[in-house]
C-alpha atoms as a PDB file:
ATOM      1  CA  UNK A   1     150.395 105.700 112.892  1.00  0.00           C
ATOM      2  CA  UNK A   2     153.542 106.847 110.814  1.00  0.00           C
ATOM      3  CA  UNK A   3     156.611 104.421 111.211  1.00  0.00           C
ATOM      4  CA  UNK A   4     159.671 106.123 111.923  1.00  0.00           C
ATOM      5  CA  UNK A   5     162.926 104.293 111.711  1.00  0.00           C
ATOM      6  CA  UNK A   6     165.570 106.067 113.771  1.00  0.00           C
ATOM      7  CA  UNK A   7     169.073 106.297 113.988  1.00  0.00           C
ATOM      8  CA  UNK A   8     171.282 107.825 116.980  1.00  0.00           C
ATOM      9  CA  UNK A   9     172.846 111.173 116.106  1.00  0.00           C
ATOM     10  CA  UNK A  10     174.654 113.777 118.114  1.00  0.00           C
ATOM     11  CA  UNK A  11     173.244 117.102 117.408  1.00  0.00           C
ATOM     12  CA  UNK A  12     175.581 119.576 116.346  1.00  0.00           C
ATOM     13  CA  UNK A  13     175.109 123.379 116.030  1.00  0.00           C
ATOM     14  CA  UNK A  14     175.892 125.272 112.981  1.00  0.00           C
ATOM     15  CA  UNK A  15     175.159 128.653 111.585  1.00  0.00           C
ATOM     16  CA  UNK A  16     173.739 129.117 108.238  1.00  0.00           C
ATOM     17  CA  UNK A  17     175.502 130.344 105.273  1.00  0.00           C
ATOM     18  CA  UNK A  18     174.527 134.484 104.555  1.00  0.00           C
ATOM     19  CA  UNK A  19     171.411 135.066 102.705  1.00  0.00           C
ATOM     20  CA  UNK A  20     172.976 138.335 101.270  1.00  0.00           C
ATOM     21  CA  UNK A  21     175.187 136.669  98.238  1.00  0.00           C
ATOM     22  CA  UNK A  22     174.235 134.011  95.865  1.00  0.00           C
ATOM     23  CA  UNK A  23     175.939 131.052  96.385  1.00  0.00           C
ATOM     24  CA  UNK A  24     177.250 128.123  94.011  1.00  0.00           C
ATOM     25  CA  UNK A  25     175.266 125.063  94.190  1.00  0.00           C
ATOM     26  CA  UNK A  26     177.342 123.265  96.112  1.00  0.00           C
ATOM     27  CA  UNK A  27     178.593 125.839  98.937  1.00  0.00           C
ATOM     28  CA  UNK A  28     176.012 124.784 101.463  1.00  0.00           C
ATOM     29  CA  UNK A  29     176.172 121.034 100.869  1.00  0.00           C
ATOM     30  CA  UNK A  30     177.751 120.337 104.244  1.00  0.00           C
ATOM     31  CA  UNK A  31     176.021 122.437 106.136  1.00  0.00           C
ATOM     32  CA  UNK A  32     172.410 121.148 104.636  1.00  0.00           C
ATOM     33  CA  UNK A  33     173.528 117.319 105.107  1.00  0.00           C
ATOM     34  CA  UNK A  34     174.561 118.002 108.499  1.00  0.00           C
ATOM     35  CA  UNK A  35     171.261 119.925 109.370  1.00  0.00           C
ATOM     36  CA  UNK A  36     169.295 117.335 107.434  1.00  0.00           C
ATOM     37  CA  UNK A  37     170.509 114.696 110.081  1.00  0.00           C
ATOM     38  CA  UNK A  38     169.948 116.946 113.078  1.00  0.00           C
ATOM     39  CA  UNK A  39     166.171 117.025 111.821  1.00  0.00           C
ATOM     40  CA  UNK A  40     165.754 112.909 112.714  1.00  0.00           C
ATOM     41  CA  UNK A  41     162.740 112.282 114.860  1.00  0.00           C
ATOM     42  CA  UNK A  42     163.895 111.666 118.289  1.00  0.00           C
ATOM     43  CA  UNK A  43     163.001 108.682 120.102  1.00  0.00           C
ATOM     44  CA  UNK A  44     159.598 108.353 121.118  1.00  0.00           C
ATOM     45  CA  UNK A  45     158.311 110.754 118.353  1.00  0.00           C
ATOM     46  CA  UNK A  46     155.532 109.313 116.016  1.00  0.00           C
ATOM     47  CA  UNK A  47     154.735 112.305 113.843  1.00  0.00           C
ATOM     48  CA  UNK A  48     157.433 113.583 111.165  1.00  0.00           C
ATOM     49  CA  UNK A  49     156.237 116.943 109.244  1.00  0.00           C
ATOM     50  CA  UNK A  50     157.774 116.901 105.804  1.00  0.00           C
ATOM     51  CA  UNK A  51     156.863 120.904 105.499  1.00  0.00           C
ATOM     52  CA  UNK A  52     158.680 121.098 108.879  1.00  0.00           C
ATOM     53  CA  UNK A  53     161.672 118.980 107.820  1.00  0.00           C
ATOM     54  CA  UNK A  54     162.100 121.060 104.597  1.00  0.00           C
ATOM     55  CA  UNK A  55     161.714 124.305 106.509  1.00  0.00           C
ATOM     56  CA  UNK A  56     163.893 123.748 108.493  1.00  0.00           C
ATOM     57  CA  UNK A  57     166.463 123.451 105.596  1.00  0.00           C
ATOM     58  CA  UNK A  58     165.549 126.724 103.852  1.00  0.00           C
ATOM     59  CA  UNK A  59     168.108 129.051 105.908  1.00  0.00           C
ATOM     60  CA  UNK A  60     170.949 126.746 104.286  1.00  0.00           C
ATOM     61  CA  UNK A  61     169.438 127.711 100.591  1.00  0.00           C
ATOM     62  CA  UNK A  62     169.565 124.469  99.129  1.00  0.00           C
ATOM     63  CA  UNK A  63     169.433 123.974  95.436  1.00  0.00           C
ATOM     64  CA  UNK A  64     166.340 122.273  94.760  1.00  0.00           C
ATOM     65  CA  UNK A  65     165.344 119.840  92.174  1.00  0.00           C
ATOM     66  CA  UNK A  66     161.749 118.328  91.916  1.00  0.00           C
ATOM     67  CA  UNK A  67     160.807 115.543  89.895  1.00  0.00           C
ATOM     68  CA  UNK A  68     157.184 115.102  89.379  1.00  0.00           C
ATOM     69  CA  UNK A  69     155.500 111.698  88.783  1.00  0.00           C
ATOM     70  CA  UNK A  70     159.049 110.275  89.450  1.00  0.00           C
ATOM     71  CA  UNK A  71     158.209 106.581  89.169  1.00  0.00           C
ATOM     72  CA  UNK A  72     160.794 104.224  90.090  1.00  0.00           C
ATOM     73  CA  UNK A  73     163.737 105.442  87.837  1.00  0.00           C
ATOM     74  CA  UNK A  74     163.816 108.815  89.271  1.00  0.00           C
ATOM     75  CA  UNK A  75     167.164 107.716  91.429  1.00  0.00           C
ATOM     76  CA  UNK A  76     169.158 108.416  88.242  1.00  0.00           C
ATOM     77  CA  UNK A  77     168.487 112.059  88.460  1.00  0.00           C
ATOM     78  CA  UNK A  78     171.048 112.270  91.256  1.00  0.00           C
ATOM     79  CA  UNK A  79     173.760 111.803  89.089  1.00  0.00           C
ATOM     80  CA  UNK A  80     173.167 115.002  87.857  1.00  0.00           C
ATOM     81  CA  UNK A  81     175.254 117.856  89.259  1.00  0.00           C
ATOM     82  CA  UNK A  82     174.370 121.237  90.841  1.00  0.00           C
ATOM     83  CA  UNK A  83     171.852 120.063  93.378  1.00  0.00           C
ATOM     84  CA  UNK A  84     171.372 118.987  96.971  1.00  0.00           C
ATOM     85  CA  UNK A  85     167.820 118.605  97.422  1.00  0.00           C
ATOM     86  CA  UNK A  86     165.877 116.574  95.686  1.00  0.00           C
ATOM     87  CA  UNK A  87     162.184 116.443  96.143  1.00  0.00           C
ATOM     88  CA  UNK A  88     160.196 113.179  94.361  1.00  0.00           C
ATOM     89  CA  UNK A  89     156.813 112.889  93.877  1.00  0.00           C
ATOM     90  CA  UNK A  90     154.586 110.008  92.901  1.00  0.00           C
ATOM     91  CA  UNK A  91     151.255 108.871  93.885  1.00  0.00           C
ATOM     92  CA  UNK A  92     152.068 104.720  93.652  1.00  0.00           C
ATOM     93  CA  UNK A  93     148.643 103.203  93.850  1.00  0.00           C
ATOM     94  CA  UNK A  94     147.430 104.859  90.296  1.00  0.00           C
ATOM     95  CA  UNK A  95     150.824 104.054  88.450  1.00  0.00           C
ATOM     96  CA  UNK A  96     152.475 100.750  89.544  1.00  0.00           C
ATOM     97  CA  UNK A  97     149.704  99.172  92.219  1.00  0.00           C
ATOM     98  CA  UNK A  98     151.838  98.337  94.930  1.00  0.00           C
ATOM     99  CA  UNK A  99     152.897  98.686  98.351  1.00  0.00           C
ATOM    100  CA  UNK A 100     155.079 101.935  99.386  1.00  0.00           C
ATOM    101  CA  UNK A 101     157.385  99.533 100.469  1.00  0.00           C
ATOM    102  CA  UNK A 102     157.934  97.528  97.429  1.00  0.00           C
ATOM    103  CA  UNK A 103     157.633 100.898  95.313  1.00  0.00           C
ATOM    104  CA  UNK A 104     160.194 102.426  97.561  1.00  0.00           C
ATOM    105  CA  UNK A 105     162.465  99.865  96.979  1.00  0.00           C
ATOM    106  CA  UNK A 106     162.448  99.652  93.208  1.00  0.00           C
ATOM    107  CA  UNK A 107     163.182 103.204  93.394  1.00  0.00           C
ATOM    108  CA  UNK A 108     166.068 102.477  95.225  1.00  0.00           C
ATOM    109  CA  UNK A 109     167.667 100.035  92.622  1.00  0.00           C
ATOM    110  CA  UNK A 110     167.769 103.248  90.105  1.00  0.00           C
ATOM    111  CA  UNK A 111     169.563 105.027  93.217  1.00  0.00           C
ATOM    112  CA  UNK A 112     172.683 102.451  92.711  1.00  0.00           C
ATOM    113  CA  UNK A 113     175.026 101.462  95.313  1.00  0.00           C
ATOM    114  CA  UNK A 114     175.068 104.649  97.143  1.00  0.00           C
ATOM    115  CA  UNK A 115     175.160 104.315 101.200  1.00  0.00           C
ATOM    116  CA  UNK A 116     171.847 106.074 102.188  1.00  0.00           C
ATOM    117  CA  UNK A 117     170.777 107.079 105.872  1.00  0.00           C
ATOM    118  CA  UNK A 118     167.159 106.824 106.391  1.00  0.00           C
ATOM    119  CA  UNK A 119     165.685 109.874 108.051  1.00  0.00           C
ATOM    120  CA  UNK A 120     162.096 108.908 108.161  1.00  0.00           C
ATOM    121  CA  UNK A 121     159.726 106.224 106.673  1.00  0.00           C
ATOM    122  CA  UNK A 122     156.096 106.933 106.847  1.00  0.00           C
ATOM    123  CA  UNK A 123     152.943 106.393 105.187  1.00  0.00           C
ATOM    124  CA  UNK A 124     153.449 109.845 103.198  1.00  0.00           C
ATOM    125  CA  UNK A 125     157.066 110.312 102.375  1.00  0.00           C
ATOM    126  CA  UNK A 126     160.500 108.362 102.572  1.00  0.00           C
ATOM    127  CA  UNK A 127     163.292 110.942 103.555  1.00  0.00           C
ATOM    128  CA  UNK A 128     167.117 110.073 103.421  1.00  0.00           C
ATOM    129  CA  UNK A 129     170.239 111.516 103.424  1.00  0.00           C
ATOM    130  CA  UNK A 130     173.233 110.377 101.146  1.00  0.00           C
ATOM    131  CA  UNK A 131     176.325 111.207 103.324  1.00  0.00           C
ATOM    132  CA  UNK A 132     179.289 111.041 100.847  1.00  0.00           C
ATOM    133  CA  UNK A 133     177.582 113.383  98.425  1.00  0.00           C
ATOM    134  CA  UNK A 134     175.863 115.584 101.047  1.00  0.00           C
ATOM    135  CA  UNK A 135     172.559 115.208  99.576  1.00  0.00           C
ATOM    136  CA  UNK A 136     168.920 115.128 101.141  1.00  0.00           C
ATOM    137  CA  UNK A 137     166.332 113.022  99.449  1.00  0.00           C
ATOM    138  CA  UNK A 138     162.616 113.744  99.967  1.00  0.00           C
ATOM    139  CA  UNK A 139     160.138 111.317  98.108  1.00  0.00           C
ATOM    140  CA  UNK A 140     156.555 112.425  98.703  1.00  0.00           C
ATOM    141  CA  UNK A 141     153.810 109.369  98.446  1.00  0.00           C
ATOM    142  CA  UNK A 142     151.331 111.912  96.690  1.00  0.00           C
ATOM    143  CA  UNK A 143     150.106 113.894  93.344  1.00  0.00           C
ATOM    144  CA  UNK A 144     152.110 116.502  91.915  1.00  0.00           C
ATOM    145  CA  UNK A 145     149.820 119.248  92.978  1.00  0.00           C
ATOM    146  CA  UNK A 146     149.942 118.411  96.780  1.00  0.00           C
ATOM    147  CA  UNK A 147     154.078 118.093  96.609  1.00  0.00           C
ATOM    148  CA  UNK A 148     154.010 121.493  94.698  1.00  0.00           C
ATOM    149  CA  UNK A 149     151.906 122.627  97.787  1.00  0.00           C
ATOM    150  CA  UNK A 150     154.646 121.184 100.338  1.00  0.00           C
ATOM    151  CA  UNK A 151     157.352 122.775  98.606  1.00  0.00           C
ATOM    152  CA  UNK A 152     155.888 126.062  98.628  1.00  0.00           C
ATOM    153  CA  UNK A 153     154.905 126.017 102.248  1.00  0.00           C
ATOM    154  CA  UNK A 154     158.710 125.258 102.759  1.00  0.00           C
ATOM    155  CA  UNK A 155     159.792 128.662 101.310  1.00  0.00           C
ATOM    156  CA  UNK A 156     162.202 126.954  99.374  1.00  0.00           C
ATOM    157  CA  UNK A 157     162.564 127.955  95.680  1.00  0.00           C
ATOM    158  CA  UNK A 158     162.620 125.320  92.978  1.00  0.00           C
ATOM    159  CA  UNK A 159     165.682 125.305  90.673  1.00  0.00           C
ATOM    160  CA  UNK A 160     165.404 122.493  88.767  1.00  0.00           C
ATOM    161  CA  UNK A 161     162.300 120.822  87.340  1.00  0.00           C
ATOM    162  CA  UNK A 162     162.243 117.168  85.805  1.00  0.00           C
ATOM    163  CA  UNK A 163     159.207 116.285  83.849  1.00  0.00           C
ATOM    164  CA  UNK A 164     160.664 113.119  82.276  1.00  0.00           C
ATOM    165  CA  UNK A 165     158.198 110.416  81.663  1.00  0.00           C
ATOM    166  CA  UNK A 166     155.766 111.952  83.496  1.00  0.00           C
ATOM    167  CA  UNK A 167     153.063 109.271  82.687  1.00  0.00           C
ATOM    168  CA  UNK A 168     150.808 111.404  80.744  1.00  0.00           C
ATOM    169  CA  UNK A 169     150.785 108.940  77.979  1.00  0.00           C
ATOM    170  CA  UNK A 170     150.770 105.830  79.869  1.00  0.00           C
ATOM    171  CA  UNK A 171     147.413 106.946  81.639  1.00  0.00           C
ATOM    172  CA  UNK A 172     148.899 107.333  85.326  1.00  0.00           C
ATOM    173  CA  UNK A 173     149.085 111.213  85.198  1.00  0.00           C
ATOM    174  CA  UNK A 174     145.763 112.956  84.337  1.00  0.00           C
ATOM    175  CA  UNK A 175     147.871 116.115  84.103  1.00  0.00           C
ATOM    176  CA  UNK A 176     150.793 116.371  82.028  1.00  0.00           C
ATOM    177  CA  UNK A 177     153.870 117.731  84.215  1.00  0.00           C
ATOM    178  CA  UNK A 178     155.137 119.396  81.270  1.00  0.00           C
ATOM    179  CA  UNK A 179     151.735 121.381  79.969  1.00  0.00           C
ATOM    180  CA  UNK A 180     150.690 124.456  81.115  1.00  0.00           C
ATOM    181  CA  UNK A 181     149.121 125.129  83.812  1.00  0.00           C
ATOM    182  CA  UNK A 182     150.890 122.523  85.575  1.00  0.00           C
ATOM    183  CA  UNK A 183     154.553 124.182  84.154  1.00  0.00           C
ATOM    184  CA  UNK A 184     152.964 127.809  85.360  1.00  0.00           C
ATOM    185  CA  UNK A 185     152.826 126.473  88.814  1.00  0.00           C
ATOM    186  CA  UNK A 186     156.190 125.310  88.912  1.00  0.00           C
ATOM    187  CA  UNK A 187     157.351 128.842  87.066  1.00  0.00           C
ATOM    188  CA  UNK A 188     155.733 130.307  90.032  1.00  0.00           C
ATOM    189  CA  UNK A 189     157.785 128.694  92.884  1.00  0.00           C
ATOM    190  CA  UNK A 190     160.909 129.949  90.742  1.00  0.00           C
ATOM    191  CA  UNK A 191     163.111 132.893  91.947  1.00  0.00           C
ATOM    192  CA  UNK A 192     165.033 134.117  88.735  1.00  0.00           C
ATOM    193  CA  UNK A 193     166.283 131.043  86.955  1.00  0.00           C
ATOM    194  CA  UNK A 194     164.856 127.073  86.292  1.00  0.00           C
ATOM    195  CA  UNK A 195     166.614 124.248  84.561  1.00  0.00           C
ATOM    196  CA  UNK A 196     164.333 121.954  83.033  1.00  0.00           C
ATOM    197  CA  UNK A 197     165.078 118.166  82.308  1.00  0.00           C
ATOM    198  CA  UNK A 198     162.667 116.460  80.172  1.00  0.00           C
ATOM    199  CA  UNK A 199     161.836 114.465  76.869  1.00  0.00           C
ATOM    200  CA  UNK A 200     158.595 116.831  75.900  1.00  0.00           C
ATOM    201  CA  UNK A 201     158.363 120.379  76.707  1.00  0.00           C
ATOM    202  CA  UNK A 202     154.723 121.535  75.241  1.00  0.00           C
ATOM    203  CA  UNK A 203     154.563 124.407  77.727  1.00  0.00           C
ATOM    204  CA  UNK A 204     157.773 125.906  77.354  1.00  0.00           C
ATOM    205  CA  UNK A 205     158.037 125.529  73.665  1.00  0.00           C
ATOM    206  CA  UNK A 206     154.250 126.548  72.790  1.00  0.00           C
ATOM    207  CA  UNK A 207     153.556 123.454  71.252  1.00  0.00           C
ATOM    208  CA  UNK A 208     151.074 120.577  71.436  1.00  0.00           C
ATOM    209  CA  UNK A 209     151.781 117.518  73.378  1.00  0.00           C
ATOM    210  CA  UNK A 210     151.737 115.421  70.477  1.00  0.00           C
ATOM    211  CA  UNK A 211     154.319 117.755  68.777  1.00  0.00           C
ATOM    212  CA  UNK A 212     156.765 117.887  71.451  1.00  0.00           C
ATOM    213  CA  UNK A 213     157.572 114.542  71.270  1.00  0.00           C
ATOM    214  CA  UNK A 214     158.928 114.948  67.609  1.00  0.00           C
ATOM    215  CA  UNK A 215     162.535 115.525  67.334  1.00  0.00           C
ATOM    216  CA  UNK A 216     162.046 117.258  63.905  1.00  0.00           C
ATOM    217  CA  UNK A 217     159.427 119.994  65.255  1.00  0.00           C
ATOM    218  CA  UNK A 218     161.464 120.563  68.600  1.00  0.00           C
ATOM    219  CA  UNK A 219     164.796 121.182  66.489  1.00  0.00           C
ATOM    220  CA  UNK A 220     162.749 123.639  64.176  1.00  0.00           C
ATOM    221  CA  UNK A 221     161.963 125.649  66.976  1.00  0.00           C
ATOM    222  CA  UNK A 222     164.093 129.270  67.619  1.00  0.00           C
ATOM    223  CA  UNK A 223     165.901 129.966  70.554  1.00  0.00           C
ATOM    224  CA  UNK A 224     165.939 132.162  72.657  1.00  0.00           C
ATOM    225  CA  UNK A 225     162.022 132.174  72.863  1.00  0.00           C
ATOM    226  CA  UNK A 226     159.802 134.459  75.626  1.00  0.00           C
ATOM    227  CA  UNK A 227     156.913 133.011  77.266  1.00  0.00           C
ATOM    228  CA  UNK A 228     154.550 134.561  79.969  1.00  0.00           C
ATOM    229  CA  UNK A 229     153.469 132.934  83.252  1.00  0.00           C
ATOM    230  CA  UNK A 230     152.109 134.696  86.100  1.00  0.00           C
ATOM    231  CA  UNK A 231     152.519 137.893  85.360  1.00  0.00           C
ATOM    232  CA  UNK A 232     156.607 137.329  84.769  1.00  0.00           C
ATOM    233  CA  UNK A 233     158.156 136.932  81.512  1.00  0.00           C
ATOM    234  CA  UNK A 234     160.726 134.210  81.111  1.00  0.00           C
ATOM    235  CA  UNK A 235     163.284 133.511  78.159  1.00  0.00           C
ATOM    236  CA  UNK A 236     163.606 130.048  77.490  1.00  0.00           C
ATOM    237  CA  UNK A 237     166.855 128.607  75.814  1.00  0.00           C
ATOM    238  CA  UNK A 238     167.867 125.238  75.114  1.00  0.00           C
ATOM    239  CA  UNK A 239     171.140 123.916  76.835  1.00  0.00           C
ATOM    240  CA  UNK A 240     172.624 121.759  74.239  1.00  0.00           C
ATOM    241  CA  UNK A 241     176.034 121.837  76.751  1.00  0.00           C
ATOM    242  CA  UNK A 242     174.247 119.640  79.520  1.00  0.00           C
ATOM    243  CA  UNK A 243     174.026 116.139  79.195  1.00  0.00           C
ATOM    244  CA  UNK A 244     170.640 114.832  80.512  1.00  0.00           C
ATOM    245  CA  UNK A 245     170.893 111.831  82.790  1.00  0.00           C
ATOM    246  CA  UNK A 246     167.636 109.870  80.701  1.00  0.00           C
ATOM    247  CA  UNK A 247     167.507 108.479  77.288  1.00  0.00           C
ATOM    248  CA  UNK A 248     165.810 111.186  74.898  1.00  0.00           C
ATOM    249  CA  UNK A 249     165.979 113.906  77.440  1.00  0.00           C
ATOM    250  CA  UNK A 250     166.800 117.698  76.885  1.00  0.00           C
ATOM    251  CA  UNK A 251     167.829 120.275  78.926  1.00  0.00           C
ATOM    252  CA  UNK A 252     166.316 123.992  78.809  1.00  0.00           C
ATOM    253  CA  UNK A 253     167.019 126.957  80.971  1.00  0.00           C
ATOM    254  CA  UNK A 254     164.566 129.345  82.084  1.00  0.00           C
ATOM    255  CA  UNK A 255     165.483 132.893  83.296  1.00  0.00           C
ATOM    256  CA  UNK A 256     162.945 135.371  84.305  1.00  0.00           C
ATOM    257  CA  UNK A 257     163.231 138.423  81.986  1.00  0.00           C
ATOM    258  CA  UNK A 258     164.379 141.522  84.058  1.00  0.00           C
ATOM    259  CA  UNK A 259     166.297 141.871  87.121  1.00  0.00           C
ATOM    260  CA  UNK A 260     163.242 143.688  89.803  1.00  0.00           C
ATOM    261  CA  UNK A 261     162.161 140.174  91.005  1.00  0.00           C
ATOM    262  CA  UNK A 262     160.106 140.025  94.237  1.00  0.00           C
ATOM    263  CA  UNK A 263     160.262 136.959  96.236  1.00  0.00           C
ATOM    264  CA  UNK A 264     156.843 135.079  96.893  1.00  0.00           C
ATOM    265  CA  UNK A 265     155.359 135.753 100.040  1.00  0.00           C
ATOM    266  CA  UNK A 266     155.220 132.313 102.281  1.00  0.00           C
ATOM    267  CA  UNK A 267     152.436 133.588 104.823  1.00  0.00           C
END
C-alpha cells in the first residue's frame, strides 16, 4: 500500500493563465506552485496518481525539465534557471542497490539546504515542492521509457532534457538516453523548442557514442546542423552562452524547423 505523508493545507482556488499566449518560463511559477500544493492527498487517501497529479498542473503550462537516469546527483539541476517543473527518473535497484528511502535521501543531498515540502511518498515516486523557488519536483522510481510514458499521458510538453551521466557506460542503463531511438522519443514530446544538457550527445550530433565523449570531435562539428525525427526536422545549435550545472556538460538548443506545428494528441 502506498505510504502518503500528509500536511494540512487550505484549498485556494486559482484561475490558470491564458493558454492563448506564450508565457515566460517564470510567469506561472506562483500559480503552478499553489496548484501543486492543492493536489496534496487528503487524509484517508492511500492512492496517489502521478499522472493525475501532473495533469492537474498542465493547464498552468509549466516549463518541464526531464532528467533521465538522474541518479543521486540530479538535484544540482535545480540550480539551472528557466524551469518550474522537474521530472527525474531512475530505476534505483539496478543502479544503486539501495532502498527507495536511502536512495531518495542521497538524492536530497544534491538538492542542498533548500526547504522542501513533501506532497507524496509512495513505492513508485516522491513528489515535493520548493516553496521559496516556486518549483515542483517529481522523482519516479522507474525506467526512463515508463517515465516518458507518464509525461506523455500528462499532456505536458518537455522543454528541457538532461542526459548527464545516464549510466549507459556504467552498465546501469541498457539504452543510452542520448542516442536514438530514445532521443527520438524525447523529441516527439516537445512542442517547438527543447534545451538539452548532457556530457555526450551522439543522437543530436550524428556520431557514435564513443566519439561523443571526445571534446575534439565535438568541437569539430559545424553548427547549426539539422536532424530529422518522427517526420519533423530539427535545427540543433551549441549554446555556449549557457553554463551547465554539471562538470563536462554542454548545452544544446533544438528547435523545430518551420512554424506549422501540430500539438500531439493525448487521447
